[in-house]
Amino acid sequence: MPRHDYRIQRGRILKVLYKPYPEGLSDRVISLTLNDIRMAASAGVIKGHVSYLAERRLVAVENVQDMELEIDYTARLTAAGVDFVEKDASDDGIDMGV
């Protein structure tokens, strides 16, 4: 997958997490939502994107590990993440698209 597509996926993850703010979403819900908007990615790719966003302090991650619900973690936007989404900001690693 081209790097630009990864940048778009990161932007979409931020937008997905913006709607339930201040609540977060499980990795499973993030994956299903990306699939619904035709941006399917493997669990490993999504986890990499969420880790990148967490390193940028735009997302906070909490490990859950619920095998019954098939959830490994939840992610939620931080205040910096909300500001990033609301400003339609962009940088070298994230493309908010339209």
N, C-alpha and C. Protein backbone atom coordinates (compact mmCIF):
# COMPACT_ATOMS: atom_id res chain seq x y z
N MET A 1 0.85 -1.18 0.00
CA MET A 1 0.00 0.00 0.00
C MET A 1 0.90 1.25 0.00
N PRO A 2 0.61 2.20 -0.84
CA PRO A 2 1.43 3.43 -0.89
C PRO A 2 1.38 4.18 0.44
N ARG A 3 2.46 4.87 0.75
CA ARG A 3 2.53 5.61 2.02
C ARG A 3 1.42 6.63 2.15
N HIS A 4 1.02 7.24 1.03
CA HIS A 4 -0.04 8.23 1.10
C HIS A 4 -1.33 7.60 1.63
N ASP A 5 -1.60 6.35 1.26
CA ASP A 5 -2.79 5.66 1.77
C ASP A 5 -2.71 5.49 3.29
N TYR A 6 -1.52 5.22 3.81
CA TYR A 6 -1.34 5.12 5.27
C TYR A 6 -1.65 6.45 5.94
N ARG A 7 -1.23 7.53 5.33
CA ARG A 7 -1.50 8.86 5.89
C ARG A 7 -3.00 9.11 5.93
N ILE A 8 -3.71 8.70 4.88
CA ILE A 8 -5.16 8.87 4.84
C ILE A 8 -5.83 7.99 5.89
N GLN A 9 -5.36 6.75 6.06
CA GLN A 9 -5.93 5.87 7.08
C GLN A 9 -5.77 6.48 8.46
N ARG A 10 -4.61 7.06 8.75
CA ARG A 10 -4.41 7.70 10.06
C ARG A 10 -5.40 8.85 10.26
N GLY A 11 -5.61 9.63 9.21
CA GLY A 11 -6.58 10.72 9.31
C GLY A 11 -7.99 10.21 9.55
N ARG A 12 -8.34 9.12 8.88
CA ARG A 12 -9.68 8.54 9.06
C ARG A 12 -9.84 8.00 10.49
N ILE A 13 -8.80 7.40 11.03
CA ILE A 13 -8.88 6.91 12.41
C ILE A 13 -9.15 8.08 13.35
N LEU A 14 -8.47 9.20 13.16
CA LEU A 14 -8.74 10.37 14.00
C LEU A 14 -10.19 10.81 13.86
N LYS A 15 -10.71 10.83 12.64
CA LYS A 15 -12.10 11.25 12.44
C LYS A 15 -13.08 10.26 13.07
N VAL A 16 -12.76 8.97 13.00
CA VAL A 16 -13.61 7.95 13.62
C VAL A 16 -13.63 8.14 15.14
N LEU A 17 -12.50 8.45 15.72
CA LEU A 17 -12.42 8.63 17.17
C LEU A 17 -13.01 9.97 17.63
N TYR A 18 -13.17 10.90 16.71
CA TYR A 18 -13.71 12.22 17.05
C TYR A 18 -15.19 12.14 17.43
N LYS A 19 -15.93 11.30 16.73
CA LYS A 19 -17.39 11.22 16.96
C LYS A 19 -17.76 10.84 18.39
N PRO A 20 -17.15 9.81 18.99
CA PRO A 20 -17.56 9.45 20.35
C PRO A 20 -16.82 10.21 21.47
N TYR A 21 -15.97 11.16 21.10
CA TYR A 21 -15.19 11.87 22.11
C TYR A 21 -16.10 12.41 23.19
N PRO A 22 -15.79 12.26 24.46
CA PRO A 22 -14.51 11.85 25.05
C PRO A 22 -14.35 10.35 25.25
N GLU A 23 -15.35 9.59 24.82
CA GLU A 23 -15.23 8.13 24.92
C GLU A 23 -14.31 7.62 23.83
N GLY A 24 -13.84 6.40 24.00
CA GLY A 24 -12.98 5.79 23.00
C GLY A 24 -13.68 4.64 22.30
N LEU A 25 -12.95 4.00 21.41
CA LEU A 25 -13.47 2.85 20.67
C LEU A 25 -12.47 1.70 20.76
N SER A 26 -12.98 0.49 20.66
CA SER A 26 -12.11 -0.67 20.66
C SER A 26 -11.43 -0.81 19.30
N ASP A 27 -10.35 -1.55 19.29
CA ASP A 27 -9.65 -1.82 18.03
C ASP A 27 -10.58 -2.50 17.03
N ARG A 28 -11.46 -3.33 17.54
CA ARG A 28 -12.40 -4.04 16.66
C ARG A 28 -13.37 -3.06 15.98
N VAL A 29 -13.89 -2.11 16.72
CA VAL A 29 -14.82 -1.13 16.15
C VAL A 29 -14.09 -0.24 15.14
N ILE A 30 -12.86 0.16 15.46
CA ILE A 30 -12.07 0.96 14.52
C ILE A 30 -11.89 0.19 13.22
N SER A 31 -11.54 -1.08 13.32
CA SER A 31 -11.33 -1.91 12.14
C SER A 31 -12.61 -2.05 11.32
N LEU A 32 -13.72 -2.34 11.99
CA LEU A 32 -15.00 -2.50 11.29
C LEU A 32 -15.42 -1.20 10.61
N THR A 33 -15.18 -0.08 11.26
CA THR A 33 -15.55 1.21 10.69
C THR A 33 -14.71 1.51 9.45
N LEU A 34 -13.40 1.26 9.53
CA LEU A 34 -12.56 1.47 8.34
C LEU A 34 -13.01 0.56 7.21
N ASN A 35 -13.38 -0.66 7.54
CA ASN A 35 -13.87 -1.58 6.52
C ASN A 35 -15.15 -1.05 5.88
N ASP A 36 -16.05 -0.50 6.69
CA ASP A 36 -17.31 0.04 6.19
C ASP A 36 -17.10 1.19 5.21
N ILE A 37 -16.04 1.96 5.41
CA ILE A 37 -15.78 3.08 4.50
C ILE A 37 -14.74 2.71 3.44
N ARG A 38 -14.59 1.41 3.24
CA ARG A 38 -13.72 0.86 2.20
C ARG A 38 -12.26 1.24 2.36
N MET A 39 -11.81 1.25 3.62
CA MET A 39 -10.40 1.50 3.92
C MET A 39 -9.86 0.36 4.77
N ALA A 40 -10.26 -0.85 4.43
CA ALA A 40 -9.88 -2.02 5.21
C ALA A 40 -8.36 -2.11 5.36
N ALA A 41 -7.95 -2.53 6.55
CA ALA A 41 -6.54 -2.73 6.85
C ALA A 41 -6.44 -3.86 7.86
N SER A 42 -5.32 -4.53 7.88
CA SER A 42 -5.12 -5.61 8.84
C SER A 42 -5.04 -5.04 10.26
N ALA A 43 -5.27 -5.90 11.24
CA ALA A 43 -5.19 -5.48 12.64
C ALA A 43 -3.81 -4.92 12.96
N GLY A 44 -2.77 -5.52 12.38
CA GLY A 44 -1.40 -5.04 12.62
C GLY A 44 -1.16 -3.66 12.06
N VAL A 45 -1.70 -3.40 10.88
CA VAL A 45 -1.54 -2.07 10.27
C VAL A 45 -2.29 -1.03 11.10
N ILE A 46 -3.51 -1.35 11.51
CA ILE A 46 -4.28 -0.41 12.33
C ILE A 46 -3.58 -0.15 13.65
N LYS A 47 -3.06 -1.19 14.27
CA LYS A 47 -2.34 -1.01 15.54
C LYS A 47 -1.12 -0.11 15.33
N GLY A 48 -0.45 -0.27 14.20
CA GLY A 48 0.69 0.60 13.90
C GLY A 48 0.26 2.06 13.76
N HIS A 49 -0.86 2.28 13.08
CA HIS A 49 -1.38 3.64 12.93
C HIS A 49 -1.74 4.23 14.29
N VAL A 50 -2.43 3.45 15.12
CA VAL A 50 -2.84 3.93 16.44
C VAL A 50 -1.60 4.22 17.29
N SER A 51 -0.58 3.37 17.20
CA SER A 51 0.66 3.62 17.94
C SER A 51 1.32 4.91 17.49
N TYR A 52 1.35 5.13 16.18
CA TYR A 52 1.91 6.38 15.64
C TYR A 52 1.16 7.58 16.20
N LEU A 53 -0.17 7.52 16.16
CA LEU A 53 -0.99 8.63 16.66
C LEU A 53 -0.80 8.83 18.16
N ALA A 54 -0.60 7.74 18.89
CA ALA A 54 -0.34 7.84 20.33
C ALA A 54 1.02 8.49 20.59
N GLU A 55 2.02 8.14 19.79
CA GLU A 55 3.34 8.76 19.95
C GLU A 55 3.27 10.26 19.68
N ARG A 56 2.36 10.67 18.82
CA ARG A 56 2.17 12.09 18.52
C ARG A 56 1.29 12.76 19.57
N ARG A 57 0.82 11.98 20.55
CA ARG A 57 -0.05 12.45 21.64
C ARG A 57 -1.43 12.92 21.15
N LEU A 58 -1.86 12.39 20.02
CA LEU A 58 -3.19 12.70 19.49
C LEU A 58 -4.23 11.69 19.96
N VAL A 59 -3.75 10.52 20.38
CA VAL A 59 -4.61 9.41 20.80
C VAL A 59 -4.03 8.81 22.08
N ALA A 60 -4.92 8.42 22.98
CA ALA A 60 -4.51 7.67 24.19
C ALA A 60 -4.99 6.24 24.01
N VAL A 61 -4.14 5.28 24.37
CA VAL A 61 -4.45 3.86 24.19
C VAL A 61 -4.47 3.18 25.55
N GLU A 62 -5.46 2.30 25.72
CA GLU A 62 -5.55 1.50 26.94
C GLU A 62 -5.65 0.03 26.52
N ASN A 63 -4.75 -0.79 27.02
CA ASN A 63 -4.79 -2.23 26.74
C ASN A 63 -5.96 -2.84 27.49
N VAL A 64 -6.72 -3.70 26.80
CA VAL A 64 -7.90 -4.31 27.38
C VAL A 64 -7.77 -5.83 27.40
N GLN A 65 -7.41 -6.44 26.29
CA GLN A 65 -7.21 -7.88 26.16
C GLN A 65 -8.44 -8.68 26.60
N ASP A 66 -9.53 -8.54 25.89
CA ASP A 66 -10.75 -9.31 26.14
C ASP A 66 -10.90 -10.31 25.01
N MET A 67 -10.49 -11.55 25.26
CA MET A 67 -10.51 -12.58 24.22
C MET A 67 -11.94 -12.91 23.77
N GLU A 68 -12.88 -12.85 24.69
CA GLU A 68 -14.27 -13.18 24.35
C GLU A 68 -14.84 -12.18 23.34
N LEU A 69 -14.54 -10.90 23.53
CA LEU A 69 -15.02 -9.86 22.62
C LEU A 69 -14.03 -9.57 21.49
N GLU A 70 -12.89 -10.26 21.50
CA GLU A 70 -11.84 -10.08 20.50
C GLU A 70 -11.35 -8.64 20.46
N ILE A 71 -11.07 -8.09 21.64
CA ILE A 71 -10.57 -6.72 21.78
C ILE A 71 -9.21 -6.77 22.44
N ASP A 72 -8.25 -6.04 21.87
CA ASP A 72 -6.91 -5.94 22.46
C ASP A 72 -6.69 -4.61 23.17
N TYR A 73 -7.31 -3.55 22.64
CA TYR A 73 -7.10 -2.23 23.22
C TYR A 73 -8.26 -1.30 22.85
N THR A 74 -8.34 -0.19 23.57
CA THR A 74 -9.25 0.89 23.18
C THR A 74 -8.40 2.13 22.92
N ALA A 75 -8.90 2.98 22.07
CA ALA A 75 -8.21 4.22 21.75
C ALA A 75 -9.22 5.36 21.84
N ARG A 76 -8.76 6.51 22.31
CA ARG A 76 -9.61 7.69 22.36
C ARG A 76 -8.76 8.91 22.02
N LEU A 77 -9.42 9.91 21.49
CA LEU A 77 -8.72 11.15 21.18
C LEU A 77 -8.32 11.86 22.45
N THR A 78 -7.19 12.52 22.41
CA THR A 78 -6.79 13.44 23.47
C THR A 78 -7.28 14.82 23.08
N ALA A 79 -7.10 15.80 23.96
CA ALA A 79 -7.47 17.17 23.63
C ALA A 79 -6.68 17.65 22.42
N ALA A 80 -5.40 17.27 22.33
CA ALA A 80 -4.59 17.64 21.17
C ALA A 80 -5.15 17.00 19.90
N GLY A 81 -5.67 15.79 20.01
CA GLY A 81 -6.27 15.12 18.87
C GLY A 81 -7.53 15.81 18.39
N VAL A 82 -8.34 16.27 19.34
CA VAL A 82 -9.56 17.02 18.99
C VAL A 82 -9.17 18.29 18.25
N ASP A 83 -8.19 19.02 18.79
CA ASP A 83 -7.73 20.24 18.13
C ASP A 83 -7.24 19.95 16.72
N PHE A 84 -6.51 18.87 16.55
CA PHE A 84 -5.97 18.49 15.24
C PHE A 84 -7.11 18.24 14.25
N VAL A 85 -8.13 17.51 14.68
CA VAL A 85 -9.27 17.21 13.80
C VAL A 85 -10.05 18.48 13.49
N GLU A 86 -10.33 19.29 14.49
CA GLU A 86 -11.15 20.48 14.28
C GLU A 86 -10.47 21.52 13.41
N LYS A 87 -9.16 21.53 13.42
CA LYS A 87 -8.42 22.48 12.59
C LYS A 87 -8.17 21.92 11.20
N ASP A 88 -8.63 20.68 10.95
CA ASP A 88 -8.33 19.99 9.69
C ASP A 88 -6.84 20.08 9.40
N ALA A 89 -6.05 19.90 10.43
CA ALA A 89 -4.60 19.98 10.31
C ALA A 89 -4.08 18.84 9.45
N SER A 90 -2.88 18.98 9.01
CA SER A 90 -2.22 17.95 8.22
C SER A 90 -0.74 18.03 8.50
N ASP A 91 -0.08 16.93 8.42
CA ASP A 91 1.37 16.93 8.54
C ASP A 91 1.93 15.81 7.68
N ASP A 92 3.21 15.57 7.76
CA ASP A 92 3.84 14.59 6.89
C ASP A 92 3.32 13.17 7.11
N GLY A 93 2.79 12.86 8.30
CA GLY A 93 2.35 11.50 8.58
C GLY A 93 0.85 11.31 8.62
N ILE A 94 0.09 12.40 8.51
CA ILE A 94 -1.37 12.31 8.64
C ILE A 94 -2.02 13.19 7.59
N ASP A 95 -2.98 12.62 6.88
CA ASP A 95 -3.73 13.39 5.89
C ASP A 95 -5.20 13.31 6.26
N MET A 96 -5.80 14.42 6.62
CA MET A 96 -7.19 14.44 7.04
C MET A 96 -8.15 14.35 5.87
N GLY A 97 -7.68 14.51 4.66
CA GLY A 97 -8.54 14.39 3.49
C GLY A 97 -9.62 15.44 3.48
N VAL A 98 -10.74 15.07 2.88
CA VAL A 98 -11.86 16.00 2.79
C VAL A 98 -12.97 15.59 3.71
